[in-house]
Amino acid sequence: MAEEVVNAAAGNEAPQDVQNTEGAQPAAAPAAEGVSAGAPAEGTENSLLTEGIGGGEGGKSEGEEGAAEKTAAKEEPSVPEVPERYELTMPEGWTLDEEGLAELTPIMQELKASNEQVQAVADIYIRRMSAAREKQIAAERETVENWRKELENDPEIGGAKYEENLASVKKMLVKYGSEDFYNYLDDSSLGNYPPFVKVMVKIAKELEDDKFIPGGGAFSDDPASAAAKMIFDKSLKD
């Protein structure tokens, strides 16, 4: 083949294999096996003129990559600030338990909890405690209501003489009781407890009906006062 080229050059004749027909275009270079013509071969990058356009991986500009890095940096979670002392706000009617907070503080600091996170925990606790207290109050009210119905229907002190019996007890309490005693009956609900109320009715009735003989042998004008004097004097001597 080399000899033919040399001979053709010497005789100003082009070899048959390389001679071009007048006006014909040069033959395109054969495409690599497995790669279609017009597409960059695998592993190659886009040219300078096509870099940044199209959907290829090499099309990302430096500005786009920088913006993506900034977005990723913004999305990183920030570390909450852990205070030396947690300042909590209590709702109306609630008092902050300083001893409880002091016991809780090192635990929450070890967990790196912020003041807002500890406040959220306290709010949940208060809501749960308030709900439990409301439930307890409702149960107590239901119990007292049931006690009152029981007393109204009691065969011994209830029925037609129910109001009269209660009036006797109140008269006795006004005469012999005190403000502290009244408050205790209300706060403890003892004043609605059926066994206690029935005992008080019996005592009040006996004080109204009985005649007590004082030390001089004459009847007292006020049997209830005489009875109370005898009871209280005896308790003081004991």
C-alpha atoms as a PDB file:
ATOM      1  CA  MET A   1       0.000   0.000   0.000  1.00  0.00           C
ATOM      2  CA  ALA A   2       2.825   2.391   0.905  1.00  0.00           C
ATOM      3  CA  GLU A   3       4.450   1.690  -2.415  1.00  0.00           C
ATOM      4  CA  GLU A   4       1.266   2.566  -4.282  1.00  0.00           C
ATOM      5  CA  VAL A   5       1.003   5.907  -2.460  1.00  0.00           C
ATOM      6  CA  VAL A   6       4.616   6.731  -3.222  1.00  0.00           C
ATOM      7  CA  ASN A   7       4.178   5.773  -6.855  1.00  0.00           C
ATOM      8  CA  ALA A   8       1.007   7.780  -7.168  1.00  0.00           C
ATOM      9  CA  ALA A   9       2.690  10.832  -5.704  1.00  0.00           C
ATOM     10  CA  ALA A  10       5.559  10.482  -8.098  1.00  0.00           C
ATOM     11  CA  GLY A  11       3.256  10.221 -11.103  1.00  0.00           C
ATOM     12  CA  ASN A  12       0.855  12.860  -9.830  1.00  0.00           C
ATOM     13  CA  GLU A  13      -1.772  10.206  -9.672  1.00  0.00           C
ATOM     14  CA  ALA A  14      -3.872   9.620  -6.629  1.00  0.00           C
ATOM     15  CA  PRO A  15      -4.282   6.039  -5.560  1.00  0.00           C
ATOM     16  CA  GLN A  16      -7.672   4.575  -6.180  1.00  0.00           C
ATOM     17  CA  ASP A  17      -8.401   4.043  -2.475  1.00  0.00           C
ATOM     18  CA  VAL A  18      -7.737   7.655  -1.442  1.00  0.00           C
ATOM     19  CA  GLN A  19      -8.723   9.602  -4.597  1.00  0.00           C
ATOM     20  CA  ASN A  20     -11.792  11.819  -4.017  1.00  0.00           C
ATOM     21  CA  THR A  21     -14.454  12.339  -6.621  1.00  0.00           C
ATOM     22  CA  GLU A  22     -14.811  15.990  -7.655  1.00  0.00           C
ATOM     23  CA  GLY A  23     -17.427  17.722  -5.466  1.00  0.00           C
ATOM     24  CA  ALA A  24     -17.820  14.799  -3.059  1.00  0.00           C
ATOM     25  CA  GLN A  25     -17.729  15.368   0.700  1.00  0.00           C
ATOM     26  CA  PRO A  26     -15.081  13.644   2.812  1.00  0.00           C
ATOM     27  CA  ALA A  27     -16.334  10.491   4.433  1.00  0.00           C
ATOM     28  CA  ALA A  28     -17.263  10.802   8.091  1.00  0.00           C
ATOM     29  CA  ALA A  29     -15.098   9.020  10.626  1.00  0.00           C
ATOM     30  CA  PRO A  30     -16.622   5.711  11.645  1.00  0.00           C
ATOM     31  CA  ALA A  31     -18.428   5.842  14.981  1.00  0.00           C
ATOM     32  CA  ALA A  32     -16.961   3.898  17.856  1.00  0.00           C
ATOM     33  CA  GLU A  33     -18.574   0.572  18.439  1.00  0.00           C
ATOM     34  CA  GLY A  34     -21.522   0.888  20.881  1.00  0.00           C
ATOM     35  CA  VAL A  35     -21.595   4.735  20.675  1.00  0.00           C
ATOM     36  CA  SER A  36     -24.059   6.514  18.409  1.00  0.00           C
ATOM     37  CA  ALA A  37     -22.856   9.259  16.177  1.00  0.00           C
ATOM     38  CA  GLY A  38     -23.285  12.789  17.555  1.00  0.00           C
ATOM     39  CA  ALA A  39     -23.210  11.716  21.244  1.00  0.00           C
ATOM     40  CA  PRO A  40     -20.127  12.140  23.435  1.00  0.00           C
ATOM     41  CA  ALA A  41     -18.398   8.893  24.278  1.00  0.00           C
ATOM     42  CA  GLU A  42     -18.817   7.531  27.760  1.00  0.00           C
ATOM     43  CA  GLY A  43     -16.490   9.157  30.252  1.00  0.00           C
ATOM     44  CA  THR A  44     -16.046  12.344  28.226  1.00  0.00           C
ATOM     45  CA  GLU A  45     -17.162  15.799  29.341  1.00  0.00           C
ATOM     46  CA  ASN A  46     -19.118  18.402  27.455  1.00  0.00           C
ATOM     47  CA  SER A  47     -17.117  20.882  25.447  1.00  0.00           C
ATOM     48  CA  LEU A  48     -16.475  24.417  26.610  1.00  0.00           C
ATOM     49  CA  LEU A  49     -19.254  25.665  24.369  1.00  0.00           C
ATOM     50  CA  THR A  50     -21.875  23.276  25.704  1.00  0.00           C
ATOM     51  CA  GLU A  51     -20.839  23.274  29.357  1.00  0.00           C
ATOM     52  CA  GLY A  52     -23.647  24.599  31.514  1.00  0.00           C
ATOM     53  CA  ILE A  53     -26.447  23.863  29.059  1.00  0.00           C
ATOM     54  CA  GLY A  54     -28.455  20.721  28.580  1.00  0.00           C
ATOM     55  CA  GLY A  55     -29.288  18.059  31.139  1.00  0.00           C
ATOM     56  CA  GLY A  56     -25.901  16.405  31.490  1.00  0.00           C
ATOM     57  CA  GLU A  57     -24.166  16.015  34.798  1.00  0.00           C
ATOM     58  CA  GLY A  58     -21.443  18.299  33.597  1.00  0.00           C
ATOM     59  CA  GLY A  59     -24.008  21.057  33.041  1.00  0.00           C
ATOM     60  CA  LYS A  60     -24.000  22.358  36.677  1.00  0.00           C
ATOM     61  CA  SER A  61     -22.406  25.743  36.907  1.00  0.00           C
ATOM     62  CA  GLU A  62     -20.177  26.822  39.746  1.00  0.00           C
ATOM     63  CA  GLY A  63     -22.864  29.257  40.916  1.00  0.00           C
ATOM     64  CA  GLU A  64     -25.480  26.498  41.169  1.00  0.00           C
ATOM     65  CA  GLU A  65     -23.130  24.284  43.165  1.00  0.00           C
ATOM     66  CA  GLY A  66     -22.380  27.160  45.554  1.00  0.00           C
ATOM     67  CA  ALA A  67     -26.086  27.861  46.041  1.00  0.00           C
ATOM     68  CA  ALA A  68     -26.743  24.188  46.783  1.00  0.00           C
ATOM     69  CA  GLU A  69     -23.989  24.178  49.416  1.00  0.00           C
ATOM     70  CA  LYS A  70     -25.441  27.304  51.067  1.00  0.00           C
ATOM     71  CA  THR A  71     -28.932  25.764  51.135  1.00  0.00           C
ATOM     72  CA  ALA A  72     -27.574  22.599  52.762  1.00  0.00           C
ATOM     73  CA  ALA A  73     -25.769  24.697  55.362  1.00  0.00           C
ATOM     74  CA  LYS A  74     -28.985  26.558  56.218  1.00  0.00           C
ATOM     75  CA  GLU A  75     -30.895  23.311  56.696  1.00  0.00           C
ATOM     76  CA  GLU A  76     -28.458  22.017  59.340  1.00  0.00           C
ATOM     77  CA  PRO A  77     -30.232  22.061  62.760  1.00  0.00           C
ATOM     78  CA  SER A  78     -28.894  24.566  65.238  1.00  0.00           C
ATOM     79  CA  VAL A  79     -27.794  23.434  68.673  1.00  0.00           C
ATOM     80  CA  PRO A  80     -30.200  24.794  71.366  1.00  0.00           C
ATOM     81  CA  GLU A  81     -28.768  27.077  74.008  1.00  0.00           C
ATOM     82  CA  VAL A  82     -28.636  25.387  77.421  1.00  0.00           C
ATOM     83  CA  PRO A  83     -29.134  27.944  80.236  1.00  0.00           C
ATOM     84  CA  GLU A  84     -27.546  27.727  83.654  1.00  0.00           C
ATOM     85  CA  ARG A  85     -30.970  28.261  85.210  1.00  0.00           C
ATOM     86  CA  TYR A  86     -34.350  27.559  83.648  1.00  0.00           C
ATOM     87  CA  GLU A  87     -36.884  30.387  83.941  1.00  0.00           C
ATOM     88  CA  LEU A  88     -40.399  28.937  83.853  1.00  0.00           C
ATOM     89  CA  THR A  89     -43.717  30.781  83.706  1.00  0.00           C
ATOM     90  CA  MET A  90     -46.573  29.368  85.767  1.00  0.00           C
ATOM     91  CA  PRO A  91     -50.251  29.973  84.957  1.00  0.00           C
ATOM     92  CA  GLU A  92     -52.575  31.729  87.394  1.00  0.00           C
ATOM     93  CA  GLY A  93     -53.181  29.672  90.508  1.00  0.00           C
ATOM     94  CA  TRP A  94     -49.925  27.729  90.196  1.00  0.00           C
ATOM     95  CA  THR A  95     -46.684  28.249  92.122  1.00  0.00           C
ATOM     96  CA  LEU A  96     -43.298  27.173  90.802  1.00  0.00           C
ATOM     97  CA  ASP A  97     -41.790  24.289  92.773  1.00  0.00           C
ATOM     98  CA  GLU A  98     -38.251  25.594  93.210  1.00  0.00           C
ATOM     99  CA  GLU A  99     -36.981  22.384  94.814  1.00  0.00           C
ATOM    100  CA  GLY A 100     -38.456  20.283  92.043  1.00  0.00           C
ATOM    101  CA  LEU A 101     -36.924  22.563  89.397  1.00  0.00           C
ATOM    102  CA  ALA A 102     -33.517  22.345  91.079  1.00  0.00           C
ATOM    103  CA  GLU A 103     -33.744  18.554  90.967  1.00  0.00           C
ATOM    104  CA  LEU A 104     -34.828  18.587  87.333  1.00  0.00           C
ATOM    105  CA  THR A 105     -32.250  21.133  86.088  1.00  0.00           C
ATOM    106  CA  PRO A 106     -29.126  18.878  85.849  1.00  0.00           C
ATOM    107  CA  ILE A 107     -31.139  16.201  84.058  1.00  0.00           C
ATOM    108  CA  MET A 108     -32.419  18.631  81.434  1.00  0.00           C
ATOM    109  CA  GLN A 109     -29.008  20.240  81.056  1.00  0.00           C
ATOM    110  CA  GLU A 110     -27.457  16.841  80.394  1.00  0.00           C
ATOM    111  CA  LEU A 111     -30.072  16.367  77.674  1.00  0.00           C
ATOM    112  CA  LYS A 112     -29.090  19.823  76.341  1.00  0.00           C
ATOM    113  CA  ALA A 113     -32.673  21.042  76.622  1.00  0.00           C
ATOM    114  CA  SER A 114     -33.360  24.713  76.016  1.00  0.00           C
ATOM    115  CA  ASN A 115     -35.516  26.905  78.249  1.00  0.00           C
ATOM    116  CA  GLU A 116     -38.357  26.673  75.705  1.00  0.00           C
ATOM    117  CA  GLN A 117     -38.234  22.870  75.742  1.00  0.00           C
ATOM    118  CA  VAL A 118     -38.352  22.686  79.552  1.00  0.00           C
ATOM    119  CA  GLN A 119     -41.242  25.184  79.550  1.00  0.00           C
ATOM    120  CA  ALA A 120     -43.104  22.935  77.097  1.00  0.00           C
ATOM    121  CA  VAL A 121     -42.616  19.970  79.451  1.00  0.00           C
ATOM    122  CA  ALA A 122     -43.880  22.039  82.399  1.00  0.00           C
ATOM    123  CA  ASP A 123     -46.951  23.126  80.412  1.00  0.00           C
ATOM    124  CA  ILE A 124     -47.842  19.509  79.641  1.00  0.00           C
ATOM    125  CA  TYR A 125     -47.447  18.566  83.321  1.00  0.00           C
ATOM    126  CA  ILE A 126     -49.691  21.440  84.424  1.00  0.00           C
ATOM    127  CA  ARG A 127     -52.387  20.519  81.916  1.00  0.00           C
ATOM    128  CA  ARG A 128     -52.361  16.895  83.046  1.00  0.00           C
ATOM    129  CA  MET A 129     -52.451  17.817  86.736  1.00  0.00           C
ATOM    130  CA  SER A 130     -55.274  20.302  86.160  1.00  0.00           C
ATOM    131  CA  ALA A 131     -57.305  17.673  84.335  1.00  0.00           C
ATOM    132  CA  ALA A 132     -56.735  15.169  87.145  1.00  0.00           C
ATOM    133  CA  ARG A 133     -57.758  17.759  89.761  1.00  0.00           C
ATOM    134  CA  GLU A 134     -60.943  18.623  87.881  1.00  0.00           C
ATOM    135  CA  LYS A 135     -61.786  14.950  87.705  1.00  0.00           C
ATOM    136  CA  GLN A 136     -61.222  14.567  91.446  1.00  0.00           C
ATOM    137  CA  ILE A 137     -63.405  17.589  92.241  1.00  0.00           C
ATOM    138  CA  ALA A 138     -66.202  16.217  90.070  1.00  0.00           C
ATOM    139  CA  ALA A 139     -66.012  12.886  91.901  1.00  0.00           C
ATOM    140  CA  GLU A 140     -66.140  14.624  95.295  1.00  0.00           C
ATOM    141  CA  ARG A 141     -69.183  16.625  94.261  1.00  0.00           C
ATOM    142  CA  GLU A 142     -70.933  13.486  93.132  1.00  0.00           C
ATOM    143  CA  THR A 143     -70.148  11.813  96.461  1.00  0.00           C
ATOM    144  CA  VAL A 144     -71.520  14.740  98.477  1.00  0.00           C
ATOM    145  CA  GLU A 145     -74.667  14.803  96.355  1.00  0.00           C
ATOM    146  CA  ASN A 146     -75.200  11.110  96.993  1.00  0.00           C
ATOM    147  CA  TRP A 147     -74.691  11.652 100.744  1.00  0.00           C
ATOM    148  CA  ARG A 148     -77.328  14.377 100.818  1.00  0.00           C
ATOM    149  CA  LYS A 149     -79.828  12.175  99.010  1.00  0.00           C
ATOM    150  CA  GLU A 150     -79.097   9.407 101.492  1.00  0.00           C
ATOM    151  CA  LEU A 151     -79.783  11.731 104.435  1.00  0.00           C
ATOM    152  CA  GLU A 152     -82.986  13.048 102.890  1.00  0.00           C
ATOM    153  CA  ASN A 153     -84.286   9.495 102.531  1.00  0.00           C
ATOM    154  CA  ASP A 154     -82.931   8.215 105.826  1.00  0.00           C
ATOM    155  CA  PRO A 155     -85.714   6.526 107.849  1.00  0.00           C
ATOM    156  CA  GLU A 156     -84.386   7.948 111.115  1.00  0.00           C
ATOM    157  CA  ILE A 157     -83.688  11.635 110.411  1.00  0.00           C
ATOM    158  CA  GLY A 158     -84.976  12.087 106.846  1.00  0.00           C
ATOM    159  CA  GLY A 159     -88.395  12.413 105.349  1.00  0.00           C
ATOM    160  CA  ALA A 160     -90.845  15.009 106.661  1.00  0.00           C
ATOM    161  CA  LYS A 161     -88.633  15.993 109.625  1.00  0.00           C
ATOM    162  CA  TYR A 162     -85.410  16.315 107.621  1.00  0.00           C
ATOM    163  CA  GLU A 163     -85.344  20.140 107.538  1.00  0.00           C
ATOM    164  CA  GLU A 164     -86.380  20.325 111.208  1.00  0.00           C
ATOM    165  CA  ASN A 165     -83.545  17.999 112.242  1.00  0.00           C
ATOM    166  CA  LEU A 166     -80.976  20.018 110.289  1.00  0.00           C
ATOM    167  CA  ALA A 167     -82.263  23.205 111.873  1.00  0.00           C
ATOM    168  CA  SER A 168     -81.706  21.701 115.338  1.00  0.00           C
ATOM    169  CA  VAL A 169     -78.091  20.885 114.500  1.00  0.00           C
ATOM    170  CA  LYS A 170     -77.448  24.367 113.073  1.00  0.00           C
ATOM    171  CA  LYS A 171     -78.898  25.957 116.211  1.00  0.00           C
ATOM    172  CA  MET A 172     -76.565  23.883 118.353  1.00  0.00           C
ATOM    173  CA  LEU A 173     -73.529  24.738 116.170  1.00  0.00           C
ATOM    174  CA  VAL A 174     -74.273  28.456 116.307  1.00  0.00           C
ATOM    175  CA  LYS A 175     -74.393  28.294 120.088  1.00  0.00           C
ATOM    176  CA  TYR A 176     -71.427  26.036 120.754  1.00  0.00           C
ATOM    177  CA  GLY A 177     -69.371  26.032 117.576  1.00  0.00           C
ATOM    178  CA  SER A 178     -66.678  28.324 116.236  1.00  0.00           C
ATOM    179  CA  GLU A 179     -65.627  29.715 112.881  1.00  0.00           C
ATOM    180  CA  ASP A 180     -62.758  27.239 112.629  1.00  0.00           C
ATOM    181  CA  PHE A 181     -65.109  24.355 113.325  1.00  0.00           C
ATOM    182  CA  TYR A 182     -67.542  25.513 110.625  1.00  0.00           C
ATOM    183  CA  ASN A 183     -64.713  25.831 108.096  1.00  0.00           C
ATOM    184  CA  TYR A 184     -63.471  22.360 108.915  1.00  0.00           C
ATOM    185  CA  LEU A 185     -66.926  20.873 108.389  1.00  0.00           C
ATOM    186  CA  ASP A 186     -67.074  22.552 104.971  1.00  0.00           C
ATOM    187  CA  ASP A 187     -63.508  21.866 103.788  1.00  0.00           C
ATOM    188  CA  SER A 188     -63.487  18.227 104.886  1.00  0.00           C
ATOM    189  CA  SER A 189     -67.064  17.508 103.732  1.00  0.00           C
ATOM    190  CA  LEU A 190     -67.612  16.076 107.225  1.00  0.00           C
ATOM    191  CA  GLY A 191     -70.727  18.212 107.496  1.00  0.00           C
ATOM    192  CA  ASN A 192     -72.292  16.077 104.749  1.00  0.00           C
ATOM    193  CA  TYR A 193     -71.085  12.670 105.944  1.00  0.00           C
ATOM    194  CA  PRO A 194     -74.236  10.704 106.878  1.00  0.00           C
ATOM    195  CA  PRO A 195     -72.959   8.943 110.047  1.00  0.00           C
ATOM    196  CA  PHE A 196     -71.620  12.248 111.459  1.00  0.00           C
ATOM    197  CA  VAL A 197     -74.772  14.206 110.588  1.00  0.00           C
ATOM    198  CA  LYS A 198     -76.999  11.555 112.220  1.00  0.00           C
ATOM    199  CA  VAL A 199     -74.941  11.709 115.438  1.00  0.00           C
ATOM    200  CA  MET A 200     -75.155  15.514 115.492  1.00  0.00           C
ATOM    201  CA  VAL A 201     -78.943  15.346 115.023  1.00  0.00           C
ATOM    202  CA  LYS A 202     -79.272  12.993 117.997  1.00  0.00           C
ATOM    203  CA  ILE A 203     -77.133  15.233 120.206  1.00  0.00           C
ATOM    204  CA  ALA A 204     -79.086  18.341 119.187  1.00  0.00           C
ATOM    205  CA  LYS A 205     -82.429  16.653 119.891  1.00  0.00           C
ATOM    206  CA  GLU A 206     -81.331  15.417 123.293  1.00  0.00           C
ATOM    207  CA  LEU A 207     -80.088  18.869 124.245  1.00  0.00           C
ATOM    208  CA  GLU A 208     -83.451  20.337 123.275  1.00  0.00           C
ATOM    209  CA  ASP A 209     -85.598  17.697 124.989  1.00  0.00           C
ATOM    210  CA  ASP A 210     -83.707  16.760 128.148  1.00  0.00           C
ATOM    211  CA  LYS A 211     -83.828  18.605 131.458  1.00  0.00           C
ATOM    212  CA  PHE A 212     -80.535  18.696 133.322  1.00  0.00           C
ATOM    213  CA  ILE A 213     -80.341  19.116 137.074  1.00  0.00           C
ATOM    214  CA  PRO A 214     -77.577  21.531 138.046  1.00  0.00           C
ATOM    215  CA  GLY A 215     -75.524  21.135 141.187  1.00  0.00           C
ATOM    216  CA  GLY A 216     -78.018  23.187 143.322  1.00  0.00           C
ATOM    217  CA  GLY A 217     -80.840  20.749 142.566  1.00  0.00           C
ATOM    218  CA  ALA A 218     -82.996  23.186 140.553  1.00  0.00           C
ATOM    219  CA  PHE A 219     -83.826  22.771 136.926  1.00  0.00           C
ATOM    220  CA  SER A 220     -81.854  24.887 134.556  1.00  0.00           C
ATOM    221  CA  ASP A 221     -83.646  27.434 132.441  1.00  0.00           C
ATOM    222  CA  ASP A 222     -81.367  26.468 129.552  1.00  0.00           C
ATOM    223  CA  PRO A 223     -80.805  22.682 129.405  1.00  0.00           C
ATOM    224  CA  ALA A 224     -78.491  22.951 126.404  1.00  0.00           C
ATOM    225  CA  SER A 225     -76.236  25.460 128.191  1.00  0.00           C
ATOM    226  CA  ALA A 226     -76.205  23.337 131.353  1.00  0.00           C
ATOM    227  CA  ALA A 227     -75.271  20.242 129.368  1.00  0.00           C
ATOM    228  CA  ALA A 228     -72.511  22.038 127.571  1.00  0.00           C
ATOM    229  CA  LYS A 229     -71.190  23.457 130.825  1.00  0.00           C
ATOM    230  CA  MET A 230     -71.087  20.029 132.399  1.00  0.00           C
ATOM    231  CA  ILE A 231     -69.293  18.546 129.399  1.00  0.00           C
ATOM    232  CA  PHE A 232     -66.784  21.366 128.997  1.00  0.00           C
ATOM    233  CA  ASP A 233     -66.080  21.669 132.724  1.00  0.00           C
ATOM    234  CA  LYS A 234     -65.408  17.952 132.891  1.00  0.00           C
ATOM    235  CA  SER A 235     -63.069  18.070 129.915  1.00  0.00           C
ATOM    236  CA  LEU A 236     -61.149  20.974 131.453  1.00  0.00           C
ATOM    237  CA  LYS A 237     -60.756  19.131 134.757  1.00  0.00           C
ATOM    238  CA  ASP A 238     -59.530  16.026 132.977  1.00  0.00           C
END
